[in-house]
Amino acid sequence: GFSPAIGGSILLMLTVAVLAFPVGIGAAVYLEEYAPDNRFTRVIDVNISNLAGVPSVVYGLLGLGLFVTYLNQPPGTVLLGGATLGLLILPIVIISAREAIRAVPEETRAASYGMGATKWQTVKNVVLPRSFSGILTGTILALGRAIGETAPLIMIGAPNVKYSLPAGLSEAASAMPLQVYAWSSLYAGDDFYQKAVPAGVVVLVAILLAMNSIAIVLRNKYQSTE
């Protein structure tokens, strides 16, 4: 059935969120609030924007070369897939978080400084709460992109079909796009292609729509509490 692929995708997305969210938010806060405006930071800005448009297969090759070849990690595991997909969405998380932080009015920062708050207190208590809805929306949409990617998982050797859920981060895991890809390449009858493969695609699209709906609901919730 499709349940091992669904469970594998959920574990992969949880790993991606744990790895990419703190790093992306930290990088965005540093670049927006602490980094000086010089040539070095401008080069970093350009590179982050360029990395957001790099094809996903390149990140798969990066994960293969860095984690499997250089660090000698077993291929296709939940941790390896999450790290590779985390690299894929990291530039998107940084860009969306920076835009959300940049949208916070300067008057709120000035009011915080006027009350005697330090730079970090202003960032922690004023900037991040005001920008959290935008950060969360961008992160969920980035996860929506990661959950539909197939090429990076193929590059790192993730199994196309798995008949049981992974019991830990060090075990191999399949994902919904890989399962659909495997089904579409099987030599099966017309009944299989007309029922099983479309059903897998519908489940994948439904989960993507659910993630986007959650992003909208959370954005509206946090915007109403600001």
N, C-alpha and C. Protein backbone atom coordinates (compact mmCIF):
# COMPACT_ATOMS: atom_id res chain seq x y z
N GLY A 1 0.82 -1.19 0.00
CA GLY A 1 0.00 0.00 0.00
C GLY A 1 0.86 1.25 0.00
N PHE A 2 0.18 2.35 0.22
CA PHE A 2 0.83 3.66 0.16
C PHE A 2 1.25 4.17 1.53
N SER A 3 0.84 3.48 2.59
CA SER A 3 1.09 3.98 3.95
C SER A 3 2.58 4.08 4.30
N PRO A 4 3.47 3.13 3.91
CA PRO A 4 4.90 3.34 4.23
C PRO A 4 5.47 4.59 3.56
N ALA A 5 5.01 4.91 2.35
CA ALA A 5 5.51 6.10 1.68
C ALA A 5 5.00 7.36 2.37
N ILE A 6 3.73 7.33 2.83
CA ILE A 6 3.19 8.49 3.55
C ILE A 6 3.96 8.69 4.85
N GLY A 7 4.17 7.60 5.60
CA GLY A 7 4.93 7.72 6.85
C GLY A 7 6.36 8.16 6.61
N GLY A 8 6.99 7.66 5.54
CA GLY A 8 8.35 8.10 5.23
C GLY A 8 8.41 9.58 4.89
N SER A 9 7.42 10.07 4.14
CA SER A 9 7.39 11.49 3.80
C SER A 9 7.21 12.35 5.05
N ILE A 10 6.36 11.90 5.98
CA ILE A 10 6.15 12.66 7.21
C ILE A 10 7.44 12.71 8.04
N LEU A 11 8.13 11.57 8.16
CA LEU A 11 9.40 11.56 8.91
C LEU A 11 10.44 12.45 8.23
N LEU A 12 10.48 12.41 6.90
CA LEU A 12 11.42 13.26 6.19
C LEU A 12 11.13 14.73 6.42
N MET A 13 9.84 15.11 6.39
CA MET A 13 9.49 16.52 6.58
C MET A 13 9.79 16.97 8.01
N LEU A 14 9.57 16.09 8.98
CA LEU A 14 9.92 16.46 10.36
C LEU A 14 11.42 16.67 10.50
N THR A 15 12.21 15.81 9.86
CA THR A 15 13.67 15.96 9.90
C THR A 15 14.10 17.24 9.19
N VAL A 16 13.48 17.52 8.05
CA VAL A 16 13.81 18.75 7.32
C VAL A 16 13.49 19.97 8.16
N ALA A 17 12.32 19.97 8.81
CA ALA A 17 11.93 21.12 9.62
C ALA A 17 12.90 21.34 10.79
N VAL A 18 13.29 20.25 11.44
CA VAL A 18 14.21 20.38 12.59
C VAL A 18 15.57 20.90 12.15
N LEU A 19 16.03 20.47 10.97
CA LEU A 19 17.36 20.86 10.51
C LEU A 19 17.37 22.24 9.85
N ALA A 20 16.37 22.54 9.03
CA ALA A 20 16.40 23.75 8.22
C ALA A 20 15.80 24.96 8.93
N PHE A 21 14.79 24.76 9.77
CA PHE A 21 14.11 25.90 10.37
C PHE A 21 15.03 26.71 11.28
N PRO A 22 15.71 26.12 12.26
CA PRO A 22 16.57 26.94 13.13
C PRO A 22 17.72 27.61 12.36
N VAL A 23 18.34 26.87 11.46
CA VAL A 23 19.47 27.44 10.70
C VAL A 23 18.99 28.58 9.81
N GLY A 24 17.86 28.39 9.12
CA GLY A 24 17.34 29.43 8.24
C GLY A 24 16.93 30.68 8.99
N ILE A 25 16.24 30.52 10.11
CA ILE A 25 15.82 31.68 10.89
C ILE A 25 17.03 32.39 11.50
N GLY A 26 17.99 31.61 12.00
CA GLY A 26 19.19 32.23 12.55
C GLY A 26 19.97 33.02 11.51
N ALA A 27 20.11 32.45 10.31
CA ALA A 27 20.80 33.16 9.24
C ALA A 27 20.05 34.43 8.84
N ALA A 28 18.72 34.34 8.77
CA ALA A 28 17.93 35.52 8.40
C ALA A 28 18.06 36.62 9.45
N VAL A 29 18.01 36.25 10.72
CA VAL A 29 18.15 37.25 11.79
C VAL A 29 19.52 37.91 11.74
N TYR A 30 20.55 37.10 11.54
CA TYR A 30 21.90 37.68 11.49
C TYR A 30 22.05 38.62 10.30
N LEU A 31 21.60 38.20 9.13
CA LEU A 31 21.79 39.02 7.93
C LEU A 31 20.97 40.31 7.98
N GLU A 32 19.80 40.26 8.62
CA GLU A 32 18.94 41.45 8.65
C GLU A 32 19.26 42.38 9.82
N GLU A 33 19.64 41.81 10.95
CA GLU A 33 19.75 42.62 12.16
C GLU A 33 21.18 42.88 12.60
N TYR A 34 22.11 42.02 12.25
CA TYR A 34 23.46 42.14 12.80
C TYR A 34 24.53 42.34 11.73
N ALA A 35 24.38 41.76 10.57
CA ALA A 35 25.44 41.79 9.57
C ALA A 35 25.64 43.21 9.04
N PRO A 36 26.89 43.66 8.89
CA PRO A 36 27.14 44.99 8.33
C PRO A 36 26.85 45.01 6.83
N ASP A 37 26.54 46.17 6.33
CA ASP A 37 26.26 46.32 4.90
C ASP A 37 27.58 46.58 4.17
N ASN A 38 28.23 45.50 3.74
CA ASN A 38 29.48 45.61 3.02
C ASN A 38 29.46 44.67 1.81
N ARG A 39 30.58 44.59 1.13
CA ARG A 39 30.63 43.77 -0.08
C ARG A 39 30.44 42.30 0.23
N PHE A 40 30.97 41.84 1.34
CA PHE A 40 30.87 40.44 1.69
C PHE A 40 29.41 40.01 1.89
N THR A 41 28.65 40.80 2.64
CA THR A 41 27.25 40.46 2.87
C THR A 41 26.43 40.58 1.59
N ARG A 42 26.78 41.51 0.72
CA ARG A 42 26.07 41.63 -0.54
C ARG A 42 26.33 40.41 -1.44
N VAL A 43 27.56 39.89 -1.39
CA VAL A 43 27.86 38.66 -2.13
C VAL A 43 27.05 37.48 -1.57
N ILE A 44 26.93 37.42 -0.25
CA ILE A 44 26.12 36.37 0.38
C ILE A 44 24.67 36.49 -0.05
N ASP A 45 24.14 37.71 -0.09
CA ASP A 45 22.75 37.91 -0.52
C ASP A 45 22.53 37.39 -1.94
N VAL A 46 23.45 37.72 -2.83
CA VAL A 46 23.31 37.27 -4.22
C VAL A 46 23.39 35.75 -4.31
N ASN A 47 24.31 35.15 -3.56
CA ASN A 47 24.46 33.70 -3.60
C ASN A 47 23.24 32.98 -3.05
N ILE A 48 22.64 33.51 -1.98
CA ILE A 48 21.43 32.89 -1.43
C ILE A 48 20.30 32.95 -2.45
N SER A 49 20.15 34.08 -3.12
CA SER A 49 19.12 34.19 -4.15
C SER A 49 19.37 33.23 -5.30
N ASN A 50 20.63 33.07 -5.68
CA ASN A 50 20.96 32.13 -6.76
C ASN A 50 20.72 30.68 -6.35
N LEU A 51 21.04 30.36 -5.10
CA LEU A 51 20.85 28.98 -4.63
C LEU A 51 19.38 28.60 -4.57
N ALA A 52 18.50 29.58 -4.37
CA ALA A 52 17.07 29.27 -4.34
C ALA A 52 16.56 28.82 -5.70
N GLY A 53 17.27 29.15 -6.78
CA GLY A 53 16.84 28.75 -8.11
C GLY A 53 17.60 27.58 -8.69
N VAL A 54 18.49 26.97 -7.93
CA VAL A 54 19.26 25.83 -8.42
C VAL A 54 18.35 24.61 -8.54
N PRO A 55 18.43 23.83 -9.61
CA PRO A 55 17.59 22.62 -9.74
C PRO A 55 17.81 21.65 -8.59
N SER A 56 16.75 20.93 -8.25
CA SER A 56 16.80 20.05 -7.09
C SER A 56 17.78 18.90 -7.28
N VAL A 57 18.01 18.47 -8.53
CA VAL A 57 18.93 17.36 -8.74
C VAL A 57 20.35 17.73 -8.33
N VAL A 58 20.69 19.01 -8.40
CA VAL A 58 22.02 19.46 -7.98
C VAL A 58 22.18 19.26 -6.48
N TYR A 59 21.12 19.54 -5.71
CA TYR A 59 21.19 19.31 -4.27
C TYR A 59 21.27 17.81 -3.96
N GLY A 60 20.64 16.99 -4.81
CA GLY A 60 20.79 15.55 -4.63
C GLY A 60 22.23 15.10 -4.82
N LEU A 61 22.89 15.65 -5.85
CA LEU A 61 24.30 15.34 -6.06
C LEU A 61 25.16 15.87 -4.93
N LEU A 62 24.80 17.05 -4.39
CA LEU A 62 25.53 17.60 -3.25
C LEU A 62 25.39 16.69 -2.04
N GLY A 63 24.17 16.23 -1.78
CA GLY A 63 23.97 15.31 -0.65
C GLY A 63 24.71 14.01 -0.84
N LEU A 64 24.73 13.50 -2.08
CA LEU A 64 25.47 12.26 -2.36
C LEU A 64 26.96 12.45 -2.13
N GLY A 65 27.51 13.54 -2.64
CA GLY A 65 28.94 13.76 -2.49
C GLY A 65 29.35 14.10 -1.07
N LEU A 66 28.53 14.93 -0.38
CA LEU A 66 28.90 15.38 0.95
C LEU A 66 28.63 14.33 2.02
N PHE A 67 27.43 13.80 2.05
CA PHE A 67 27.04 12.92 3.15
C PHE A 67 27.43 11.46 2.90
N VAL A 68 27.23 10.98 1.67
CA VAL A 68 27.49 9.56 1.40
C VAL A 68 28.97 9.32 1.11
N THR A 69 29.54 10.11 0.17
CA THR A 69 30.92 9.86 -0.23
C THR A 69 31.92 10.39 0.79
N TYR A 70 31.73 11.64 1.23
CA TYR A 70 32.73 12.28 2.11
C TYR A 70 32.56 11.85 3.57
N LEU A 71 31.33 11.83 4.07
CA LEU A 71 31.09 11.49 5.47
C LEU A 71 30.76 10.02 5.69
N ASN A 72 30.70 9.23 4.61
CA ASN A 72 30.49 7.78 4.69
C ASN A 72 29.20 7.41 5.43
N GLN A 73 28.13 8.14 5.18
CA GLN A 73 26.84 7.82 5.77
C GLN A 73 26.11 6.82 4.89
N PRO A 74 25.31 5.94 5.48
CA PRO A 74 24.56 4.98 4.66
C PRO A 74 23.54 5.70 3.79
N PRO A 75 23.41 5.30 2.54
CA PRO A 75 22.51 6.01 1.62
C PRO A 75 21.04 5.72 1.91
N GLY A 76 20.20 6.70 1.58
CA GLY A 76 18.76 6.50 1.61
C GLY A 76 18.10 6.55 2.97
N THR A 77 18.80 6.93 4.04
CA THR A 77 18.20 6.96 5.36
C THR A 77 17.35 8.21 5.55
N VAL A 78 16.55 8.18 6.62
CA VAL A 78 15.69 9.33 6.94
C VAL A 78 16.55 10.57 7.22
N LEU A 79 17.61 10.40 8.01
CA LEU A 79 18.46 11.53 8.35
C LEU A 79 19.16 12.10 7.13
N LEU A 80 19.65 11.23 6.26
CA LEU A 80 20.33 11.69 5.05
C LEU A 80 19.36 12.39 4.10
N GLY A 81 18.16 11.82 3.93
CA GLY A 81 17.16 12.46 3.08
C GLY A 81 16.71 13.79 3.65
N GLY A 82 16.53 13.85 4.97
CA GLY A 82 16.13 15.11 5.58
C GLY A 82 17.20 16.18 5.46
N ALA A 83 18.47 15.79 5.61
CA ALA A 83 19.56 16.76 5.47
C ALA A 83 19.66 17.27 4.04
N THR A 84 19.49 16.39 3.06
CA THR A 84 19.57 16.80 1.66
C THR A 84 18.42 17.72 1.29
N LEU A 85 17.21 17.35 1.67
CA LEU A 85 16.06 18.21 1.40
C LEU A 85 16.13 19.50 2.21
N GLY A 86 16.77 19.44 3.38
CA GLY A 86 16.97 20.67 4.16
C GLY A 86 17.87 21.65 3.44
N LEU A 87 18.93 21.14 2.80
CA LEU A 87 19.78 22.00 1.99
C LEU A 87 19.00 22.60 0.83
N LEU A 88 18.06 21.82 0.28
CA LEU A 88 17.27 22.29 -0.85
C LEU A 88 16.40 23.49 -0.49
N ILE A 89 15.74 23.44 0.67
CA ILE A 89 14.81 24.51 1.02
C ILE A 89 15.43 25.59 1.89
N LEU A 90 16.68 25.40 2.33
CA LEU A 90 17.31 26.37 3.21
C LEU A 90 17.35 27.78 2.60
N PRO A 91 17.75 27.97 1.33
CA PRO A 91 17.72 29.33 0.77
C PRO A 91 16.32 29.93 0.75
N ILE A 92 15.31 29.10 0.50
CA ILE A 92 13.93 29.61 0.47
C ILE A 92 13.51 30.06 1.87
N VAL A 93 13.86 29.28 2.88
CA VAL A 93 13.53 29.64 4.25
C VAL A 93 14.21 30.95 4.64
N ILE A 94 15.48 31.09 4.26
CA ILE A 94 16.22 32.32 4.60
C ILE A 94 15.59 33.52 3.92
N ILE A 95 15.26 33.40 2.65
CA ILE A 95 14.70 34.53 1.91
C ILE A 95 13.34 34.92 2.46
N SER A 96 12.46 33.95 2.71
CA SER A 96 11.14 34.27 3.23
C SER A 96 11.21 34.85 4.65
N ALA A 97 12.13 34.32 5.47
CA ALA A 97 12.29 34.86 6.83
C ALA A 97 12.84 36.28 6.80
N ARG A 98 13.77 36.55 5.90
CA ARG A 98 14.30 37.91 5.79
C ARG A 98 13.24 38.90 5.35
N GLU A 99 12.40 38.48 4.42
CA GLU A 99 11.32 39.36 3.97
C GLU A 99 10.35 39.65 5.10
N ALA A 100 10.04 38.62 5.91
CA ALA A 100 9.13 38.83 7.04
C ALA A 100 9.75 39.74 8.10
N ILE A 101 11.04 39.56 8.37
CA ILE A 101 11.71 40.42 9.35
C ILE A 101 11.82 41.85 8.83
N ARG A 102 12.09 41.98 7.54
CA ARG A 102 12.22 43.31 6.94
C ARG A 102 10.89 44.08 6.96
N ALA A 103 9.79 43.34 6.99
CA ALA A 103 8.48 43.99 6.97
C ALA A 103 8.08 44.58 8.33
N VAL A 104 8.82 44.25 9.38
CA VAL A 104 8.52 44.83 10.69
C VAL A 104 8.90 46.31 10.67
N PRO A 105 7.99 47.22 11.03
CA PRO A 105 8.29 48.66 10.95
C PRO A 105 9.46 49.06 11.85
N GLU A 106 10.23 50.01 11.38
CA GLU A 106 11.36 50.49 12.17
C GLU A 106 10.89 51.20 13.44
N GLU A 107 9.65 51.71 13.43
CA GLU A 107 9.15 52.40 14.61
C GLU A 107 9.04 51.46 15.81
N THR A 108 8.71 50.20 15.55
CA THR A 108 8.62 49.26 16.67
C THR A 108 10.00 48.98 17.26
N ARG A 109 11.00 48.90 16.41
CA ARG A 109 12.36 48.72 16.93
C ARG A 109 12.78 49.94 17.74
N ALA A 110 12.50 51.14 17.21
CA ALA A 110 12.88 52.37 17.90
C ALA A 110 12.17 52.48 19.24
N ALA A 111 10.90 52.06 19.29
CA ALA A 111 10.17 52.10 20.56
C ALA A 111 10.78 51.15 21.57
N SER A 112 11.23 49.98 21.10
CA SER A 112 11.87 49.02 22.00
C SER A 112 13.18 49.58 22.53
N TYR A 113 13.98 50.17 21.65
CA TYR A 113 15.23 50.77 22.10
C TYR A 113 14.97 51.92 23.06
N GLY A 114 13.91 52.67 22.81
CA GLY A 114 13.58 53.77 23.70
C GLY A 114 13.18 53.32 25.10
N MET A 115 12.69 52.08 25.21
CA MET A 115 12.34 51.53 26.52
C MET A 115 13.56 50.95 27.23
N GLY A 116 14.72 51.02 26.59
CA GLY A 116 15.95 50.53 27.21
C GLY A 116 16.30 49.10 26.86
N ALA A 117 15.63 48.50 25.89
CA ALA A 117 15.92 47.11 25.51
C ALA A 117 17.21 47.03 24.72
N THR A 118 17.89 45.92 24.83
CA THR A 118 19.10 45.69 24.07
C THR A 118 18.73 45.21 22.66
N LYS A 119 19.75 45.04 21.83
CA LYS A 119 19.52 44.56 20.47
C LYS A 119 18.87 43.18 20.47
N TRP A 120 19.40 42.26 21.25
CA TRP A 120 18.86 40.92 21.27
C TRP A 120 17.46 40.89 21.88
N GLN A 121 17.21 41.67 22.91
CA GLN A 121 15.87 41.74 23.49
C GLN A 121 14.86 42.27 22.48
N THR A 122 15.28 43.24 21.67
CA THR A 122 14.39 43.77 20.64
C THR A 122 14.09 42.71 19.58
N VAL A 123 15.12 41.99 19.17
CA VAL A 123 14.91 40.94 18.17
C VAL A 123 14.02 39.84 18.73
N LYS A 124 14.27 39.42 19.96
CA LYS A 124 13.54 38.29 20.54
C LYS A 124 12.10 38.64 20.90
N ASN A 125 11.89 39.82 21.44
CA ASN A 125 10.57 40.16 21.98
C ASN A 125 9.71 41.01 21.05
N VAL A 126 10.33 41.61 20.03
CA VAL A 126 9.57 42.51 19.16
C VAL A 126 9.59 42.02 17.72
N VAL A 127 10.80 41.83 17.17
CA VAL A 127 10.93 41.55 15.74
C VAL A 127 10.41 40.15 15.40
N LEU A 128 10.89 39.14 16.11
CA LEU A 128 10.48 37.77 15.79
C LEU A 128 8.99 37.52 16.02
N PRO A 129 8.39 37.96 17.12
CA PRO A 129 6.94 37.76 17.25
C PRO A 129 6.13 38.46 16.16
N ARG A 130 6.56 39.67 15.75
CA ARG A 130 5.82 40.38 14.70
C ARG A 130 5.99 39.75 13.33
N SER A 131 7.09 39.09 13.12
CA SER A 131 7.36 38.48 11.80
C SER A 131 7.09 36.99 11.76
N PHE A 132 6.61 36.41 12.86
CA PHE A 132 6.50 34.96 12.94
C PHE A 132 5.50 34.40 11.93
N SER A 133 4.41 35.11 11.68
CA SER A 133 3.41 34.60 10.73
C SER A 133 4.00 34.46 9.34
N GLY A 134 4.76 35.45 8.89
CA GLY A 134 5.41 35.37 7.58
C GLY A 134 6.47 34.30 7.53
N ILE A 135 7.25 34.18 8.61
CA ILE A 135 8.28 33.14 8.66
C ILE A 135 7.65 31.75 8.59
N LEU A 136 6.58 31.55 9.35
CA LEU A 136 5.92 30.24 9.38
C LEU A 136 5.30 29.91 8.03
N THR A 137 4.69 30.89 7.40
CA THR A 137 4.08 30.65 6.09
C THR A 137 5.14 30.25 5.06
N GLY A 138 6.24 30.99 5.02
CA GLY A 138 7.31 30.67 4.08
C GLY A 138 7.92 29.31 4.33
N THR A 139 8.06 28.94 5.60
CA THR A 139 8.64 27.65 5.93
C THR A 139 7.74 26.50 5.49
N ILE A 140 6.44 26.62 5.75
CA ILE A 140 5.51 25.55 5.36
C ILE A 140 5.45 25.42 3.85
N LEU A 141 5.45 26.53 3.13
CA LEU A 141 5.44 26.46 1.68
C LEU A 141 6.74 25.82 1.16
N ALA A 142 7.86 26.11 1.82
CA ALA A 142 9.12 25.46 1.44
C ALA A 142 9.06 23.96 1.70
N LEU A 143 8.45 23.56 2.81
CA LEU A 143 8.28 22.14 3.09
C LEU A 143 7.37 21.49 2.04
N GLY A 144 6.38 22.26 1.56
CA GLY A 144 5.52 21.75 0.49
C GLY A 144 6.30 21.45 -0.77
N ARG A 145 7.32 22.27 -1.05
CA ARG A 145 8.17 21.97 -2.21
C ARG A 145 9.00 20.72 -1.95
N ALA A 146 9.54 20.61 -0.74
CA ALA A 146 10.41 19.47 -0.44
C ALA A 146 9.67 18.15 -0.48
N ILE A 147 8.41 18.14 -0.05
CA ILE A 147 7.68 16.87 0.02
C ILE A 147 7.36 16.32 -1.36
N GLY A 148 7.40 17.17 -2.39
CA GLY A 148 7.12 16.71 -3.74
C GLY A 148 8.34 16.43 -4.58
N GLU A 149 9.52 16.55 -4.01
CA GLU A 149 10.74 16.36 -4.78
C GLU A 149 11.11 14.87 -4.87
N THR A 150 11.53 14.47 -6.06
CA THR A 150 11.95 13.09 -6.30
C THR A 150 13.44 12.98 -6.59
N ALA A 151 13.98 13.91 -7.39
CA ALA A 151 15.36 13.81 -7.86
C ALA A 151 16.39 13.73 -6.72
N PRO A 152 16.31 14.58 -5.67
CA PRO A 152 17.32 14.47 -4.61
C PRO A 152 17.30 13.11 -3.92
N LEU A 153 16.10 12.55 -3.71
CA LEU A 153 16.01 11.25 -3.05
C LEU A 153 16.57 10.13 -3.92
N ILE A 154 16.36 10.24 -5.23
CA ILE A 154 16.95 9.24 -6.13
C ILE A 154 18.47 9.32 -6.10
N MET A 155 19.00 10.53 -6.08
CA MET A 155 20.46 10.71 -6.09
C MET A 155 21.13 10.12 -4.85
N ILE A 156 20.45 10.22 -3.69
CA ILE A 156 21.08 9.73 -2.46
C ILE A 156 20.76 8.26 -2.20
N GLY A 157 20.07 7.60 -3.14
CA GLY A 157 19.84 6.17 -3.04
C GLY A 157 18.68 5.76 -2.16
N ALA A 158 17.68 6.61 -2.01
CA ALA A 158 16.50 6.22 -1.23
C ALA A 158 15.73 5.15 -1.99
N PRO A 159 15.17 4.16 -1.29
CA PRO A 159 14.44 3.10 -1.99
C PRO A 159 13.16 3.61 -2.63
N ASN A 160 12.85 3.09 -3.81
CA ASN A 160 11.61 3.49 -4.47
C ASN A 160 10.38 2.95 -3.76
N VAL A 161 10.46 1.73 -3.29
CA VAL A 161 9.33 1.10 -2.62
C VAL A 161 9.81 0.55 -1.28
N LYS A 162 9.05 0.82 -0.25
CA LYS A 162 9.35 0.30 1.10
C LYS A 162 8.06 -0.29 1.65
N TYR A 163 8.15 -1.47 2.24
CA TYR A 163 6.95 -2.17 2.69
C TYR A 163 6.70 -2.03 4.19
N SER A 164 7.53 -1.24 4.86
CA SER A 164 7.32 -1.01 6.29
C SER A 164 7.83 0.38 6.64
N LEU A 165 7.31 0.91 7.72
CA LEU A 165 7.74 2.23 8.16
C LEU A 165 9.14 2.16 8.76
N PRO A 166 9.97 3.18 8.56
CA PRO A 166 11.29 3.18 9.20
C PRO A 166 11.15 3.34 10.70
N ALA A 167 11.95 2.58 11.43
CA ALA A 167 11.88 2.60 12.89
C ALA A 167 12.77 3.66 13.51
N GLY A 168 13.63 4.29 12.72
CA GLY A 168 14.53 5.30 13.26
C GLY A 168 15.11 6.14 12.15
N LEU A 169 15.88 7.15 12.55
CA LEU A 169 16.46 8.06 11.58
C LEU A 169 17.56 7.41 10.74
N SER A 170 18.11 6.30 11.23
CA SER A 170 19.20 5.64 10.51
C SER A 170 18.71 4.56 9.56
N GLU A 171 17.41 4.39 9.43
CA GLU A 171 16.87 3.38 8.52
C GLU A 171 16.44 4.02 7.21
N ALA A 172 16.46 3.21 6.15
CA ALA A 172 16.06 3.70 4.83
C ALA A 172 14.56 3.98 4.81
N ALA A 173 14.19 4.99 4.05
CA ALA A 173 12.78 5.37 3.96
C ALA A 173 12.46 5.79 2.54
N SER A 174 11.28 5.40 2.10
CA SER A 174 10.79 5.86 0.82
C SER A 174 9.93 7.10 1.05
N ALA A 175 9.39 7.65 -0.03
CA ALA A 175 8.54 8.83 0.05
C ALA A 175 7.48 8.73 -1.04
N MET A 176 6.46 9.54 -0.90
CA MET A 176 5.34 9.46 -1.84
C MET A 176 5.76 9.71 -3.29
N PRO A 177 6.58 10.72 -3.60
CA PRO A 177 6.99 10.88 -5.01
C PRO A 177 7.75 9.68 -5.55
N LEU A 178 8.61 9.08 -4.71
CA LEU A 178 9.34 7.90 -5.15
C LEU A 178 8.40 6.73 -5.41
N GLN A 179 7.38 6.58 -4.56
CA GLN A 179 6.43 5.49 -4.74
C GLN A 179 5.66 5.67 -6.05
N VAL A 180 5.21 6.89 -6.33
CA VAL A 180 4.49 7.15 -7.57
C VAL A 180 5.41 6.92 -8.77
N TYR A 181 6.66 7.35 -8.63
CA TYR A 181 7.64 7.13 -9.71
C TYR A 181 7.85 5.64 -9.96
N ALA A 182 7.94 4.85 -8.89
CA ALA A 182 8.13 3.41 -9.05
C ALA A 182 6.90 2.76 -9.68
N TRP A 183 5.72 3.17 -9.23
CA TRP A 183 4.50 2.61 -9.80
C TRP A 183 4.38 2.92 -11.29
N SER A 184 4.74 4.13 -11.67
CA SER A 184 4.59 4.52 -13.08
C SER A 184 5.56 3.80 -13.99
N SER A 185 6.65 3.25 -13.45
CA SER A 185 7.64 2.56 -14.27
C SER A 185 7.50 1.05 -14.23
N LEU A 186 6.53 0.55 -13.47
CA LEU A 186 6.32 -0.90 -13.40
C LEU A 186 5.65 -1.41 -14.67
N TYR A 187 5.94 -2.67 -14.98
CA TYR A 187 5.26 -3.31 -16.10
C TYR A 187 4.01 -3.99 -15.55
N ALA A 188 2.91 -3.25 -15.60
CA ALA A 188 1.66 -3.74 -15.03
C ALA A 188 0.53 -3.53 -16.04
N GLY A 189 -0.68 -3.97 -15.65
CA GLY A 189 -1.82 -3.86 -16.54
C GLY A 189 -2.41 -2.47 -16.56
N ASP A 190 -3.33 -2.26 -17.50
CA ASP A 190 -3.98 -0.96 -17.63
C ASP A 190 -4.79 -0.61 -16.39
N ASP A 191 -5.36 -1.61 -15.74
CA ASP A 191 -6.15 -1.35 -14.53
C ASP A 191 -5.29 -0.74 -13.44
N PHE A 192 -4.04 -1.18 -13.33
CA PHE A 192 -3.12 -0.62 -12.33
C PHE A 192 -2.80 0.84 -12.64
N TYR A 193 -2.50 1.14 -13.90
CA TYR A 193 -2.15 2.50 -14.27
C TYR A 193 -3.34 3.46 -14.18
N GLN A 194 -4.54 2.93 -14.32
CA GLN A 194 -5.72 3.77 -14.28
C GLN A 194 -6.28 3.97 -12.88
N LYS A 195 -5.81 3.16 -11.91
CA LYS A 195 -6.36 3.26 -10.56
C LYS A 195 -5.29 3.52 -9.51
N ALA A 196 -4.26 2.69 -9.46
CA ALA A 196 -3.27 2.81 -8.39
C ALA A 196 -2.42 4.07 -8.54
N VAL A 197 -1.88 4.29 -9.73
CA VAL A 197 -1.00 5.45 -9.94
C VAL A 197 -1.76 6.76 -9.76
N PRO A 198 -2.94 6.95 -10.36
CA PRO A 198 -3.67 8.20 -10.10
C PRO A 198 -4.05 8.38 -8.63
N ALA A 199 -4.36 7.26 -7.95
CA ALA A 199 -4.69 7.37 -6.53
C ALA A 199 -3.51 7.89 -5.72
N GLY A 200 -2.31 7.41 -6.03
CA GLY A 200 -1.12 7.92 -5.35
C GLY A 200 -0.89 9.39 -5.61
N VAL A 201 -1.11 9.82 -6.84
CA VAL A 201 -0.95 11.24 -7.18
C VAL A 201 -1.97 12.09 -6.44
N VAL A 202 -3.21 11.60 -6.34
CA VAL A 202 -4.26 12.34 -5.63
C VAL A 202 -3.91 12.49 -4.16
N VAL A 203 -3.39 11.43 -3.54
CA VAL A 203 -2.99 11.50 -2.13
C VAL A 203 -1.87 12.53 -1.94
N LEU A 204 -0.89 12.53 -2.83
CA LEU A 204 0.21 13.48 -2.75
C LEU A 204 -0.29 14.92 -2.89
N VAL A 205 -1.15 15.15 -3.87
CA VAL A 205 -1.70 16.50 -4.07
C VAL A 205 -2.56 16.92 -2.88
N ALA A 206 -3.32 15.98 -2.31
CA ALA A 206 -4.16 16.30 -1.16
C ALA A 206 -3.32 16.72 0.04
N ILE A 207 -2.21 16.03 0.26
CA ILE A 207 -1.33 16.40 1.38
C ILE A 207 -0.68 17.76 1.13
N LEU A 208 -0.29 18.04 -0.12
CA LEU A 208 0.26 19.36 -0.44
C LEU A 208 -0.77 20.45 -0.21
N LEU A 209 -2.00 20.23 -0.63
CA LEU A 209 -3.06 21.22 -0.39
C LEU A 209 -3.33 21.39 1.10
N ALA A 210 -3.26 20.30 1.86
CA ALA A 210 -3.46 20.39 3.31
C ALA A 210 -2.36 21.22 3.95
N MET A 211 -1.11 21.03 3.52
CA MET A 211 -0.01 21.82 4.06
C MET A 211 -0.17 23.30 3.73
N ASN A 212 -0.57 23.61 2.50
CA ASN A 212 -0.79 25.00 2.13
C ASN A 212 -1.96 25.61 2.92
N SER A 213 -3.00 24.81 3.17
CA SER A 213 -4.13 25.31 3.96
C SER A 213 -3.70 25.59 5.40
N ILE A 214 -2.86 24.71 5.95
CA ILE A 214 -2.34 24.95 7.30
C ILE A 214 -1.54 26.24 7.35
N ALA A 215 -0.75 26.49 6.30
CA ALA A 215 0.04 27.73 6.25
C ALA A 215 -0.88 28.95 6.24
N ILE A 216 -1.97 28.89 5.50
CA ILE A 216 -2.90 30.02 5.45
C ILE A 216 -3.57 30.24 6.80
N VAL A 217 -4.01 29.13 7.42
CA VAL A 217 -4.69 29.25 8.72
C VAL A 217 -3.75 29.81 9.78
N LEU A 218 -2.53 29.31 9.84
CA LEU A 218 -1.58 29.80 10.83
C LEU A 218 -1.21 31.25 10.59
N ARG A 219 -1.07 31.63 9.31
CA ARG A 219 -0.76 33.02 9.01
C ARG A 219 -1.88 33.94 9.48
N ASN A 220 -3.11 33.57 9.19
CA ASN A 220 -4.23 34.40 9.61
C ASN A 220 -4.36 34.45 11.14
N LYS A 221 -4.07 33.32 11.79
CA LYS A 221 -4.16 33.28 13.24
C LYS A 221 -3.15 34.22 13.88
N TYR A 222 -1.89 34.14 13.44
CA TYR A 222 -0.85 34.97 14.06
C TYR A 222 -0.98 36.43 13.64
N GLN A 223 -1.50 36.69 12.44
CA GLN A 223 -1.73 38.07 12.05
C GLN A 223 -2.83 38.71 12.88
N SER A 224 -3.84 37.92 13.26
CA SER A 224 -4.93 38.47 14.07
C SER A 224 -4.51 38.73 15.51
N THR A 225 -3.44 38.06 15.95
CA THR A 225 -2.99 38.26 17.35
C THR A 225 -1.91 39.32 17.46
N GLU A 226 -1.41 39.85 16.33
CA GLU A 226 -0.37 40.86 16.41
C GLU A 226 -0.95 42.21 16.81
